[in-house]
Amino acid sequence: MEFPPDSFEVFPAEDFETASARGGGKAAVDLFLQARANGRCIDHFRLVLGGSSILEANVPLTRVFNAPSLSDYKLQFQFWARDVKIRRNMTTSVWSDAYATLASRNITAWKGEEEIDNGQILEELKRLEDPASRVGAFRHAVVAGPDQKLYLELVSMPGTAATLASKPAYVG
């Protein structure tokens, strides 16, 4: 869907908190706004994701962890767009700890073209001298592109999810 659309669909206010994405295709982002009867928007919005495909992101490990010695490794994230929960009145999901996600086997690890056990990366991270190199966090963000379309980005930062969530600049 191009933005702005030619017309807007209107749904009952009761559906605001629970409605799923109505757009079709491999991936969809719907923007839900609450509006009064006179058409003025209230200060609440939701971005809801959906789609019919599993999304995948392949990321060098050094983009998530500040560990240059592990530059041969990469991480593969796979997820359904509908499982990404963008927070109300924000364009991002909550921060997730990359170390914990690796330990829970929710990310696939690769060295070169070979899939490896996540435990191998966890052991490598434990061996690093600098404790700050062992922490990393990621979240999803809905962003507007120069073509006026919405995109889903995977954003990472060095630090724990708790640390990043406590910093005002990284909350939203």
Foldseek 3Di string as FASTA:
>chain_A
DFPPDPDDDDDDPVCQVPDADPDEAAKDWDKDFDADPVGHTDQKIAIHMAYDHKDKDKAQVCQFFVDVVRRQKIKMAIGGSRPAGADINFFKGAKAKPLVCLVVVNIWMDGHPHTDRSVVVVVVLVPDPDVQRNTKIWIWGWDADPSRDIDIDIHMDRDHSVVQCPDPVRVD
